[in-house]
Amino acid sequence: LGFPIKAVQSDWGGEFRPYSKFLADLGIVHRVICPHTHHQNGVVERKHRHIVDLGLTLLSQASLPLNFWDYAFTTAVFLINRLPSSAIQFQVPCTFLFHIMPDYKFLKVFGCACFPLLRPYLAHRLEFRSQECLFLGYSNSHKGYKCLSPSGKLYISKDVLFNESRFSYLELFSPSASYLSHINNSVKQHSSSPLSTLFSNISLPKPVPLTAVPFSSPSSDTSSHSSPSQSQSGGVPQSAAETETQSPSPSHPTQTFVMTDICQV
C-alpha cells in the first residue's frame, strides 16, 4: 500500500514472544498492553469474537464437530474479508485494500455435499469418476475447493459440483458407515483368497460323545414297587438297619401299661 508499519500492538501471549524479535529486525515497534487489561486491545478482541462467532455458526449449520474448527475459522476469515464492514463505511475489506472486487460466484455453503472430479486419482478405469465428499472451504495456495472424502483424503480441485442444500456429514462419517466400510474392505480382501484358505481358518466345535443310559423295563418297575422294604433296606447300610430294628431295653424298674398288657377302660 506504500505506507510503512511503525508499531504493532498485541498482548504478551506466548505466540507473540518470538514475533517481537521478528518485528525488531524489521524496525517495527512491538507495543504490549498491560497485564489483564484486554480492553486496551479492544479492536482485536472484538474481531477475534467476530471470527469465533461466525466459525461456530458454520459448524452448527453443517452439523460438524469441533474437530473441524480450523477449517471453519479459516473460512470465516475468508468470508469476512469479502463482506461489507461498517468500520470502513460498508466497503469490502478486500476491495478497500487491494482495489479488486471479489468473485461472489466462487463462494459456496460451508459443509455441504460436493462431488469433485477424481479421474486423475483413479487406480483403474472401472472406478467411479467422482464420489460424495464434504466441502471444507477454500485453499489459500490454490484457486480451488477443499473436499474431504469419506476415506479421510482431502482433495483440492476446481472441478466440483455442489449440492448446497444437503449436509451429509452424519451419513458419510457416522460410526455405522465406517463400520460398513470396514466390513466391505474385509470382504474384498477375503474374496481375493481361495476358498480353501477361508475354510481352513474356521474352527468347528468338536462333537460331544453320548453316554449310554440304562433302560428300565416295566417288570423291574413293578417289582421295585411291590417290595419297597427291600429297595429301602438295600440302600441303607447293614449296621444302620440293625441299630434301627433293635430298641434298647430300659434299665430302670418302672413298668408301663403296655409292658403289663393293662388297658384303661
C-alpha atoms as a PDB file:
ATOM      1  CA  LEU A   1       0.000   0.000   0.000  1.00  0.00           C
ATOM      2  CA  GLY A   2       3.021   2.256   0.158  1.00  0.00           C
ATOM      3  CA  PHE A   3       2.854   3.060   3.902  1.00  0.00           C
ATOM      4  CA  PRO A   4       5.429   1.613   6.299  1.00  0.00           C
ATOM      5  CA  ILE A   5       4.286  -0.017   9.538  1.00  0.00           C
ATOM      6  CA  LYS A   6       5.613   1.825  12.584  1.00  0.00           C
ATOM      7  CA  ALA A   7       4.164  -0.145  15.507  1.00  0.00           C
ATOM      8  CA  VAL A   8       2.139  -3.274  16.230  1.00  0.00           C
ATOM      9  CA  GLN A   9       0.160  -3.670  19.445  1.00  0.00           C
ATOM     10  CA  SER A  10      -0.743  -7.033  20.992  1.00  0.00           C
ATOM     11  CA  ASP A  11      -0.886  -8.795  24.331  1.00  0.00           C
ATOM     12  CA  TRP A  12       2.068 -10.676  25.780  1.00  0.00           C
ATOM     13  CA  GLY A  13       0.834 -14.120  24.798  1.00  0.00           C
ATOM     14  CA  GLY A  14       3.188 -16.978  24.156  1.00  0.00           C
ATOM     15  CA  GLU A  15       2.607 -16.870  20.416  1.00  0.00           C
ATOM     16  CA  PHE A  16       3.704 -13.207  20.219  1.00  0.00           C
ATOM     17  CA  ARG A  17       7.019 -13.514  22.064  1.00  0.00           C
ATOM     18  CA  PRO A  18       9.040 -14.875  19.105  1.00  0.00           C
ATOM     19  CA  TYR A  19       7.161 -12.357  16.945  1.00  0.00           C
ATOM     20  CA  SER A  20       8.688  -9.491  18.923  1.00  0.00           C
ATOM     21  CA  LYS A  21      12.214 -10.265  17.652  1.00  0.00           C
ATOM     22  CA  PHE A  22      10.912 -10.512  14.093  1.00  0.00           C
ATOM     23  CA  LEU A  23       9.373  -7.037  14.353  1.00  0.00           C
ATOM     24  CA  ALA A  24      12.553  -5.617  15.870  1.00  0.00           C
ATOM     25  CA  ASP A  25      14.583  -6.879  12.904  1.00  0.00           C
ATOM     26  CA  LEU A  26      12.209  -5.019  10.582  1.00  0.00           C
ATOM     27  CA  GLY A  27      12.372  -1.800  12.606  1.00  0.00           C
ATOM     28  CA  ILE A  28       8.799  -2.102  13.869  1.00  0.00           C
ATOM     29  CA  VAL A  29       7.955  -1.371  17.485  1.00  0.00           C
ATOM     30  CA  HIS A  30       6.120  -4.155  19.304  1.00  0.00           C
ATOM     31  CA  ARG A  31       3.827  -2.451  21.796  1.00  0.00           C
ATOM     32  CA  VAL A  32       2.366  -4.650  24.539  1.00  0.00           C
ATOM     33  CA  ILE A  33      -0.788  -3.962  26.563  1.00  0.00           C
ATOM     34  CA  CYS A  34      -0.853  -4.064  30.363  1.00  0.00           C
ATOM     35  CA  PRO A  35      -1.430  -7.454  32.025  1.00  0.00           C
ATOM     36  CA  HIS A  36      -5.082  -8.487  32.409  1.00  0.00           C
ATOM     37  CA  THR A  37      -6.376  -5.417  30.562  1.00  0.00           C
ATOM     38  CA  HIS A  38      -7.935  -6.793  27.408  1.00  0.00           C
ATOM     39  CA  HIS A  39      -9.924  -3.602  26.833  1.00  0.00           C
ATOM     40  CA  GLN A  40      -6.695  -1.894  25.724  1.00  0.00           C
ATOM     41  CA  ASN A  41      -6.722  -4.269  22.762  1.00  0.00           C
ATOM     42  CA  GLY A  42     -10.446  -3.894  22.181  1.00  0.00           C
ATOM     43  CA  VAL A  43     -10.401  -3.775  18.362  1.00  0.00           C
ATOM     44  CA  VAL A  44      -8.512  -7.047  18.095  1.00  0.00           C
ATOM     45  CA  GLU A  45     -10.623  -8.736  20.779  1.00  0.00           C
ATOM     46  CA  ARG A  46     -13.830  -7.690  19.016  1.00  0.00           C
ATOM     47  CA  LYS A  47     -12.628  -9.024  15.670  1.00  0.00           C
ATOM     48  CA  HIS A  48     -11.498 -12.224  17.374  1.00  0.00           C
ATOM     49  CA  ARG A  49     -15.003 -12.638  18.778  1.00  0.00           C
ATOM     50  CA  HIS A  50     -16.445 -11.978  15.326  1.00  0.00           C
ATOM     51  CA  ILE A  51     -14.347 -14.786  13.823  1.00  0.00           C
ATOM     52  CA  VAL A  52     -15.260 -17.230  16.600  1.00  0.00           C
ATOM     53  CA  ASP A  53     -18.991 -16.488  16.334  1.00  0.00           C
ATOM     54  CA  LEU A  54     -19.027 -16.897  12.564  1.00  0.00           C
ATOM     55  CA  GLY A  55     -16.909 -20.060  12.723  1.00  0.00           C
ATOM     56  CA  LEU A  56     -19.195 -21.682  15.291  1.00  0.00           C
ATOM     57  CA  THR A  57     -22.194 -20.741  13.159  1.00  0.00           C
ATOM     58  CA  LEU A  58     -20.682 -22.533  10.169  1.00  0.00           C
ATOM     59  CA  LEU A  59     -20.039 -25.630  12.276  1.00  0.00           C
ATOM     60  CA  SER A  60     -23.548 -25.616  13.702  1.00  0.00           C
ATOM     61  CA  GLN A  61     -25.260 -25.226  10.329  1.00  0.00           C
ATOM     62  CA  ALA A  62     -23.322 -28.142   8.824  1.00  0.00           C
ATOM     63  CA  SER A  63     -23.649 -30.320  11.985  1.00  0.00           C
ATOM     64  CA  LEU A  64     -19.873 -30.671  12.185  1.00  0.00           C
ATOM     65  CA  PRO A  65     -17.951 -31.451  15.399  1.00  0.00           C
ATOM     66  CA  LEU A  66     -15.285 -29.175  16.839  1.00  0.00           C
ATOM     67  CA  ASN A  67     -12.592 -31.261  15.139  1.00  0.00           C
ATOM     68  CA  PHE A  68     -13.157 -29.086  12.042  1.00  0.00           C
ATOM     69  CA  TRP A  69     -12.769 -25.771  13.866  1.00  0.00           C
ATOM     70  CA  ASP A  70      -9.639 -24.782  11.904  1.00  0.00           C
ATOM     71  CA  TYR A  71     -11.420 -25.188   8.549  1.00  0.00           C
ATOM     72  CA  ALA A  72     -14.460 -23.281   9.838  1.00  0.00           C
ATOM     73  CA  PHE A  73     -12.441 -20.365  11.254  1.00  0.00           C
ATOM     74  CA  THR A  74     -10.299 -20.100   8.103  1.00  0.00           C
ATOM     75  CA  THR A  75     -13.472 -19.982   6.022  1.00  0.00           C
ATOM     76  CA  ALA A  76     -14.908 -17.374   8.401  1.00  0.00           C
ATOM     77  CA  VAL A  77     -11.899 -15.086   7.812  1.00  0.00           C
ATOM     78  CA  PHE A  78     -12.202 -15.689   4.062  1.00  0.00           C
ATOM     79  CA  LEU A  79     -15.850 -14.575   4.161  1.00  0.00           C
ATOM     80  CA  ILE A  80     -15.281 -11.592   6.475  1.00  0.00           C
ATOM     81  CA  ASN A  81     -12.692 -10.160   4.086  1.00  0.00           C
ATOM     82  CA  ARG A  82     -15.286 -10.279   1.296  1.00  0.00           C
ATOM     83  CA  LEU A  83     -18.293  -8.891   3.187  1.00  0.00           C
ATOM     84  CA  PRO A  84     -19.091  -5.179   3.684  1.00  0.00           C
ATOM     85  CA  SER A  85     -17.891  -3.764   7.006  1.00  0.00           C
ATOM     86  CA  SER A  86     -19.385  -0.865   8.938  1.00  0.00           C
ATOM     87  CA  ALA A  87     -15.899   0.113  10.174  1.00  0.00           C
ATOM     88  CA  ILE A  88     -14.954   1.297   6.665  1.00  0.00           C
ATOM     89  CA  GLN A  89     -18.289   2.798   5.594  1.00  0.00           C
ATOM     90  CA  PHE A  90     -19.677  -0.562   4.438  1.00  0.00           C
ATOM     91  CA  GLN A  91     -16.916  -1.160   1.971  1.00  0.00           C
ATOM     92  CA  VAL A  92     -15.472  -4.589   1.290  1.00  0.00           C
ATOM     93  CA  PRO A  93     -12.089  -5.080   3.039  1.00  0.00           C
ATOM     94  CA  CYS A  94     -10.681  -6.959   0.067  1.00  0.00           C
ATOM     95  CA  THR A  95     -11.635  -4.132  -2.278  1.00  0.00           C
ATOM     96  CA  PHE A  96     -10.522  -1.449   0.187  1.00  0.00           C
ATOM     97  CA  LEU A  97      -7.006  -2.922   0.445  1.00  0.00           C
ATOM     98  CA  PHE A  98      -6.293  -4.385  -2.972  1.00  0.00           C
ATOM     99  CA  HIS A  99      -8.814  -2.500  -5.165  1.00  0.00           C
ATOM    100  CA  ILE A 100     -10.152  -5.786  -6.515  1.00  0.00           C
ATOM    101  CA  MET A 101     -13.792  -6.838  -6.480  1.00  0.00           C
ATOM    102  CA  PRO A 102     -14.253 -10.351  -5.064  1.00  0.00           C
ATOM    103  CA  ASP A 103     -15.896 -13.076  -7.130  1.00  0.00           C
ATOM    104  CA  TYR A 104     -19.039 -13.995  -5.198  1.00  0.00           C
ATOM    105  CA  LYS A 105     -19.900 -16.788  -7.609  1.00  0.00           C
ATOM    106  CA  PHE A 106     -16.898 -18.626  -6.255  1.00  0.00           C
ATOM    107  CA  LEU A 107     -18.437 -18.823  -2.753  1.00  0.00           C
ATOM    108  CA  LYS A 108     -20.224 -21.995  -1.651  1.00  0.00           C
ATOM    109  CA  VAL A 109     -22.013 -23.130   1.504  1.00  0.00           C
ATOM    110  CA  PHE A 110     -19.571 -24.490   4.065  1.00  0.00           C
ATOM    111  CA  GLY A 111     -20.039 -28.153   4.980  1.00  0.00           C
ATOM    112  CA  CYS A 112     -22.369 -29.025   2.107  1.00  0.00           C
ATOM    113  CA  ALA A 113     -22.113 -32.083  -0.134  1.00  0.00           C
ATOM    114  CA  CYS A 114     -19.734 -31.783  -3.075  1.00  0.00           C
ATOM    115  CA  PHE A 115     -18.620 -34.043  -5.916  1.00  0.00           C
ATOM    116  CA  PRO A 116     -15.063 -33.337  -7.126  1.00  0.00           C
ATOM    117  CA  LEU A 117     -13.594 -34.773 -10.309  1.00  0.00           C
ATOM    118  CA  LEU A 118     -11.422 -37.688  -9.164  1.00  0.00           C
ATOM    119  CA  ARG A 119     -10.398 -39.082 -12.525  1.00  0.00           C
ATOM    120  CA  PRO A 120      -6.676 -38.176 -12.104  1.00  0.00           C
ATOM    121  CA  TYR A 121      -6.608 -40.151  -8.829  1.00  0.00           C
ATOM    122  CA  LEU A 122      -8.210 -43.387 -10.079  1.00  0.00           C
ATOM    123  CA  ALA A 123      -6.280 -46.648  -9.833  1.00  0.00           C
ATOM    124  CA  HIS A 124      -8.082 -48.265 -12.789  1.00  0.00           C
ATOM    125  CA  ARG A 125     -10.719 -47.306 -15.340  1.00  0.00           C
ATOM    126  CA  LEU A 126     -13.616 -49.091 -13.675  1.00  0.00           C
ATOM    127  CA  GLU A 127     -13.669 -46.811 -10.635  1.00  0.00           C
ATOM    128  CA  PHE A 128     -16.208 -44.023 -10.369  1.00  0.00           C
ATOM    129  CA  ARG A 129     -15.161 -40.625 -11.662  1.00  0.00           C
ATOM    130  CA  SER A 130     -16.417 -38.913  -8.503  1.00  0.00           C
ATOM    131  CA  GLN A 131     -17.851 -39.565  -5.061  1.00  0.00           C
ATOM    132  CA  GLU A 132     -19.738 -37.566  -2.482  1.00  0.00           C
ATOM    133  CA  CYS A 133     -17.402 -35.517  -0.297  1.00  0.00           C
ATOM    134  CA  LEU A 134     -17.603 -32.784   2.328  1.00  0.00           C
ATOM    135  CA  PHE A 135     -16.821 -29.182   1.392  1.00  0.00           C
ATOM    136  CA  LEU A 136     -14.370 -27.670   3.924  1.00  0.00           C
ATOM    137  CA  GLY A 137     -13.566 -24.272   2.469  1.00  0.00           C
ATOM    138  CA  TYR A 138     -11.094 -22.696   0.085  1.00  0.00           C
ATOM    139  CA  SER A 139      -7.403 -23.278  -0.488  1.00  0.00           C
ATOM    140  CA  ASN A 140      -5.018 -20.438   0.336  1.00  0.00           C
ATOM    141  CA  SER A 141      -2.398 -21.553  -2.176  1.00  0.00           C
ATOM    142  CA  HIS A 142      -4.745 -22.762  -4.950  1.00  0.00           C
ATOM    143  CA  LYS A 143      -7.837 -21.377  -6.578  1.00  0.00           C
ATOM    144  CA  GLY A 144      -9.857 -24.428  -5.686  1.00  0.00           C
ATOM    145  CA  TYR A 145     -12.076 -26.076  -3.114  1.00  0.00           C
ATOM    146  CA  LYS A 146     -11.179 -28.402  -0.242  1.00  0.00           C
ATOM    147  CA  CYS A 147     -13.153 -31.645  -0.463  1.00  0.00           C
ATOM    148  CA  LEU A 148     -12.922 -34.304   2.254  1.00  0.00           C
ATOM    149  CA  SER A 149     -13.731 -37.850   1.126  1.00  0.00           C
ATOM    150  CA  PRO A 150     -15.282 -40.489   3.438  1.00  0.00           C
ATOM    151  CA  SER A 151     -11.917 -42.286   3.473  1.00  0.00           C
ATOM    152  CA  GLY A 152     -10.252 -39.214   5.046  1.00  0.00           C
ATOM    153  CA  LYS A 153      -8.431 -37.912   1.951  1.00  0.00           C
ATOM    154  CA  LEU A 154      -8.517 -34.162   1.306  1.00  0.00           C
ATOM    155  CA  TYR A 155      -8.801 -33.265  -2.383  1.00  0.00           C
ATOM    156  CA  ILE A 156      -8.229 -29.753  -3.762  1.00  0.00           C
ATOM    157  CA  SER A 157      -9.987 -29.288  -7.073  1.00  0.00           C
ATOM    158  CA  LYS A 158     -11.604 -26.591  -9.162  1.00  0.00           C
ATOM    159  CA  ASP A 159     -13.926 -29.009 -10.996  1.00  0.00           C
ATOM    160  CA  VAL A 160     -16.514 -29.597  -8.293  1.00  0.00           C
ATOM    161  CA  LEU A 161     -20.291 -29.935  -8.317  1.00  0.00           C
ATOM    162  CA  PHE A 162     -22.133 -28.787  -5.192  1.00  0.00           C
ATOM    163  CA  ASN A 163     -25.418 -29.689  -3.542  1.00  0.00           C
ATOM    164  CA  GLU A 164     -25.683 -26.707  -1.198  1.00  0.00           C
ATOM    165  CA  SER A 165     -28.936 -27.888   0.377  1.00  0.00           C
ATOM    166  CA  ARG A 166     -27.505 -31.212   1.564  1.00  0.00           C
ATOM    167  CA  PHE A 167     -25.284 -31.603   4.645  1.00  0.00           C
ATOM    168  CA  SER A 168     -24.121 -35.195   4.621  1.00  0.00           C
ATOM    169  CA  TYR A 169     -21.507 -35.343   7.375  1.00  0.00           C
ATOM    170  CA  LEU A 170     -23.611 -37.570   9.658  1.00  0.00           C
ATOM    171  CA  GLU A 171     -24.166 -40.025   6.800  1.00  0.00           C
ATOM    172  CA  LEU A 172     -20.623 -40.084   5.408  1.00  0.00           C
ATOM    173  CA  PHE A 173     -18.696 -40.092   8.684  1.00  0.00           C
ATOM    174  CA  SER A 174     -21.068 -41.819  11.122  1.00  0.00           C
ATOM    175  CA  PRO A 175     -19.766 -44.847  13.116  1.00  0.00           C
ATOM    176  CA  SER A 176     -22.175 -47.172  11.280  1.00  0.00           C
ATOM    177  CA  ALA A 177     -20.892 -46.002   7.885  1.00  0.00           C
ATOM    178  CA  SER A 178     -17.274 -46.547   8.916  1.00  0.00           C
ATOM    179  CA  TYR A 179     -18.201 -49.983  10.267  1.00  0.00           C
ATOM    180  CA  LEU A 180     -19.844 -50.934   6.975  1.00  0.00           C
ATOM    181  CA  SER A 181     -16.835 -49.722   5.001  1.00  0.00           C
ATOM    182  CA  HIS A 182     -14.587 -51.826   7.233  1.00  0.00           C
ATOM    183  CA  ILE A 183     -16.769 -54.870   6.529  1.00  0.00           C
ATOM    184  CA  ASN A 184     -16.675 -54.217   2.782  1.00  0.00           C
ATOM    185  CA  ASN A 185     -12.888 -53.947   2.845  1.00  0.00           C
ATOM    186  CA  SER A 186     -12.571 -57.209   4.759  1.00  0.00           C
ATOM    187  CA  VAL A 187     -14.934 -58.929   2.320  1.00  0.00           C
ATOM    188  CA  LYS A 188     -12.862 -57.680  -0.627  1.00  0.00           C
ATOM    189  CA  GLN A 189      -9.685 -58.985   0.965  1.00  0.00           C
ATOM    190  CA  HIS A 190     -11.212 -62.415   1.609  1.00  0.00           C
ATOM    191  CA  SER A 191     -12.746 -62.620  -1.857  1.00  0.00           C
ATOM    192  CA  SER A 192      -9.284 -62.486  -3.430  1.00  0.00           C
ATOM    193  CA  SER A 193      -8.095 -65.505  -1.402  1.00  0.00           C
ATOM    194  CA  PRO A 194      -9.056 -69.129  -2.325  1.00  0.00           C
ATOM    195  CA  LEU A 195     -11.892 -70.900  -0.576  1.00  0.00           C
ATOM    196  CA  SER A 196      -9.560 -73.436   0.990  1.00  0.00           C
ATOM    197  CA  THR A 197      -7.788 -70.631   2.846  1.00  0.00           C
ATOM    198  CA  LEU A 198     -11.079 -69.227   4.072  1.00  0.00           C
ATOM    199  CA  PHE A 199     -12.439 -72.517   5.385  1.00  0.00           C
ATOM    200  CA  SER A 200      -9.122 -73.545   6.906  1.00  0.00           C
ATOM    201  CA  ASN A 201      -9.379 -70.665   9.374  1.00  0.00           C
ATOM    202  CA  ILE A 202     -12.821 -71.756  10.542  1.00  0.00           C
ATOM    203  CA  SER A 203     -12.727 -73.928  13.673  1.00  0.00           C
ATOM    204  CA  LEU A 204     -15.753 -76.205  14.050  1.00  0.00           C
ATOM    205  CA  PRO A 205     -16.840 -77.357  17.527  1.00  0.00           C
ATOM    206  CA  LYS A 206     -15.974 -80.942  18.456  1.00  0.00           C
ATOM    207  CA  PRO A 207     -18.934 -83.362  18.807  1.00  0.00           C
ATOM    208  CA  VAL A 208     -19.885 -84.260  22.363  1.00  0.00           C
ATOM    209  CA  PRO A 209     -19.886 -88.073  22.949  1.00  0.00           C
ATOM    210  CA  LEU A 210     -23.194 -89.542  24.114  1.00  0.00           C
ATOM    211  CA  THR A 211     -23.150 -91.749  27.215  1.00  0.00           C
ATOM    212  CA  ALA A 212     -25.301 -94.915  27.357  1.00  0.00           C
ATOM    213  CA  VAL A 213     -28.299 -94.507  29.676  1.00  0.00           C
ATOM    214  CA  PRO A 214     -29.628 -97.808  31.233  1.00  0.00           C
ATOM    215  CA  PHE A 215     -33.187 -98.594  30.229  1.00  0.00           C
ATOM    216  CA  SER A 216     -35.522 -99.901  32.970  1.00  0.00           C
ATOM    217  CA  SER A 217     -38.260-102.309  31.874  1.00  0.00           C
ATOM    218  CA  PRO A 218     -41.826-102.139  33.286  1.00  0.00           C
ATOM    219  CA  SER A 219     -41.355-105.506  35.065  1.00  0.00           C
ATOM    220  CA  SER A 220     -38.450-104.172  37.019  1.00  0.00           C
ATOM    221  CA  ASP A 221     -40.515-101.110  37.942  1.00  0.00           C
ATOM    222  CA  THR A 222     -43.366-103.256  39.274  1.00  0.00           C
ATOM    223  CA  SER A 223     -41.004-105.421  41.248  1.00  0.00           C
ATOM    224  CA  SER A 224     -39.465-102.350  42.772  1.00  0.00           C
ATOM    225  CA  HIS A 225     -42.912-101.034  43.756  1.00  0.00           C
ATOM    226  CA  SER A 226     -44.067-104.408  45.143  1.00  0.00           C
ATOM    227  CA  SER A 227     -41.186-104.725  47.564  1.00  0.00           C
ATOM    228  CA  PRO A 228     -40.457-101.264  48.902  1.00  0.00           C
ATOM    229  CA  SER A 229     -38.873-102.655  52.035  1.00  0.00           C
ATOM    230  CA  GLN A 230     -36.257-104.469  50.015  1.00  0.00           C
ATOM    231  CA  SER A 231     -35.418-101.411  47.946  1.00  0.00           C
ATOM    232  CA  GLN A 232     -35.230 -99.211  51.004  1.00  0.00           C
ATOM    233  CA  SER A 233     -33.168-101.618  53.020  1.00  0.00           C
ATOM    234  CA  GLY A 234     -30.852-102.178  50.080  1.00  0.00           C
ATOM    235  CA  GLY A 235     -29.881 -98.527  50.036  1.00  0.00           C
ATOM    236  CA  VAL A 236     -29.266 -98.344  53.802  1.00  0.00           C
ATOM    237  CA  PRO A 237     -26.079 -99.816  55.340  1.00  0.00           C
ATOM    238  CA  GLN A 238     -26.470-103.007  57.386  1.00  0.00           C
ATOM    239  CA  SER A 239     -25.157-101.519  60.590  1.00  0.00           C
ATOM    240  CA  ALA A 240     -27.633 -98.666  60.385  1.00  0.00           C
ATOM    241  CA  ALA A 241     -30.536-101.086  59.762  1.00  0.00           C
ATOM    242  CA  GLU A 242     -29.619-103.183  62.789  1.00  0.00           C
ATOM    243  CA  THR A 243     -29.494-100.130  65.036  1.00  0.00           C
ATOM    244  CA  GLU A 244     -32.958 -99.092  63.850  1.00  0.00           C
ATOM    245  CA  THR A 245     -34.575-102.557  64.456  1.00  0.00           C
ATOM    246  CA  GLN A 246     -33.035-103.193  67.871  1.00  0.00           C
ATOM    247  CA  SER A 247     -34.616-100.965  70.532  1.00  0.00           C
ATOM    248  CA  PRO A 248     -32.729-100.563  73.796  1.00  0.00           C
ATOM    249  CA  SER A 249     -34.382-102.066  76.935  1.00  0.00           C
ATOM    250  CA  PRO A 250     -34.950 -99.686  79.870  1.00  0.00           C
ATOM    251  CA  SER A 251     -32.585-100.124  82.778  1.00  0.00           C
ATOM    252  CA  HIS A 252     -34.959 -98.708  85.455  1.00  0.00           C
ATOM    253  CA  PRO A 253     -37.619-100.930  87.196  1.00  0.00           C
ATOM    254  CA  THR A 254     -40.610 -98.800  86.208  1.00  0.00           C
ATOM    255  CA  GLN A 255     -43.251-100.671  84.154  1.00  0.00           C
ATOM    256  CA  THR A 256     -45.756 -99.102  81.782  1.00  0.00           C
ATOM    257  CA  PHE A 257     -49.280-100.196  80.835  1.00  0.00           C
ATOM    258  CA  VAL A 258     -48.067-101.508  77.546  1.00  0.00           C
ATOM    259  CA  MET A 259     -45.489-103.733  79.202  1.00  0.00           C
ATOM    260  CA  THR A 260     -48.072-105.279  81.590  1.00  0.00           C
ATOM    261  CA  ASP A 261     -50.857-105.549  78.953  1.00  0.00           C
ATOM    262  CA  ILE A 262     -53.219-103.388  81.035  1.00  0.00           C
ATOM    263  CA  CYS A 263     -55.799-101.425  79.088  1.00  0.00           C
ATOM    264  CA  GLN A 264     -57.654 -98.497  80.612  1.00  0.00           C
ATOM    265  CA  VAL A 265     -61.454 -98.706  80.280  1.00  0.00           C
END
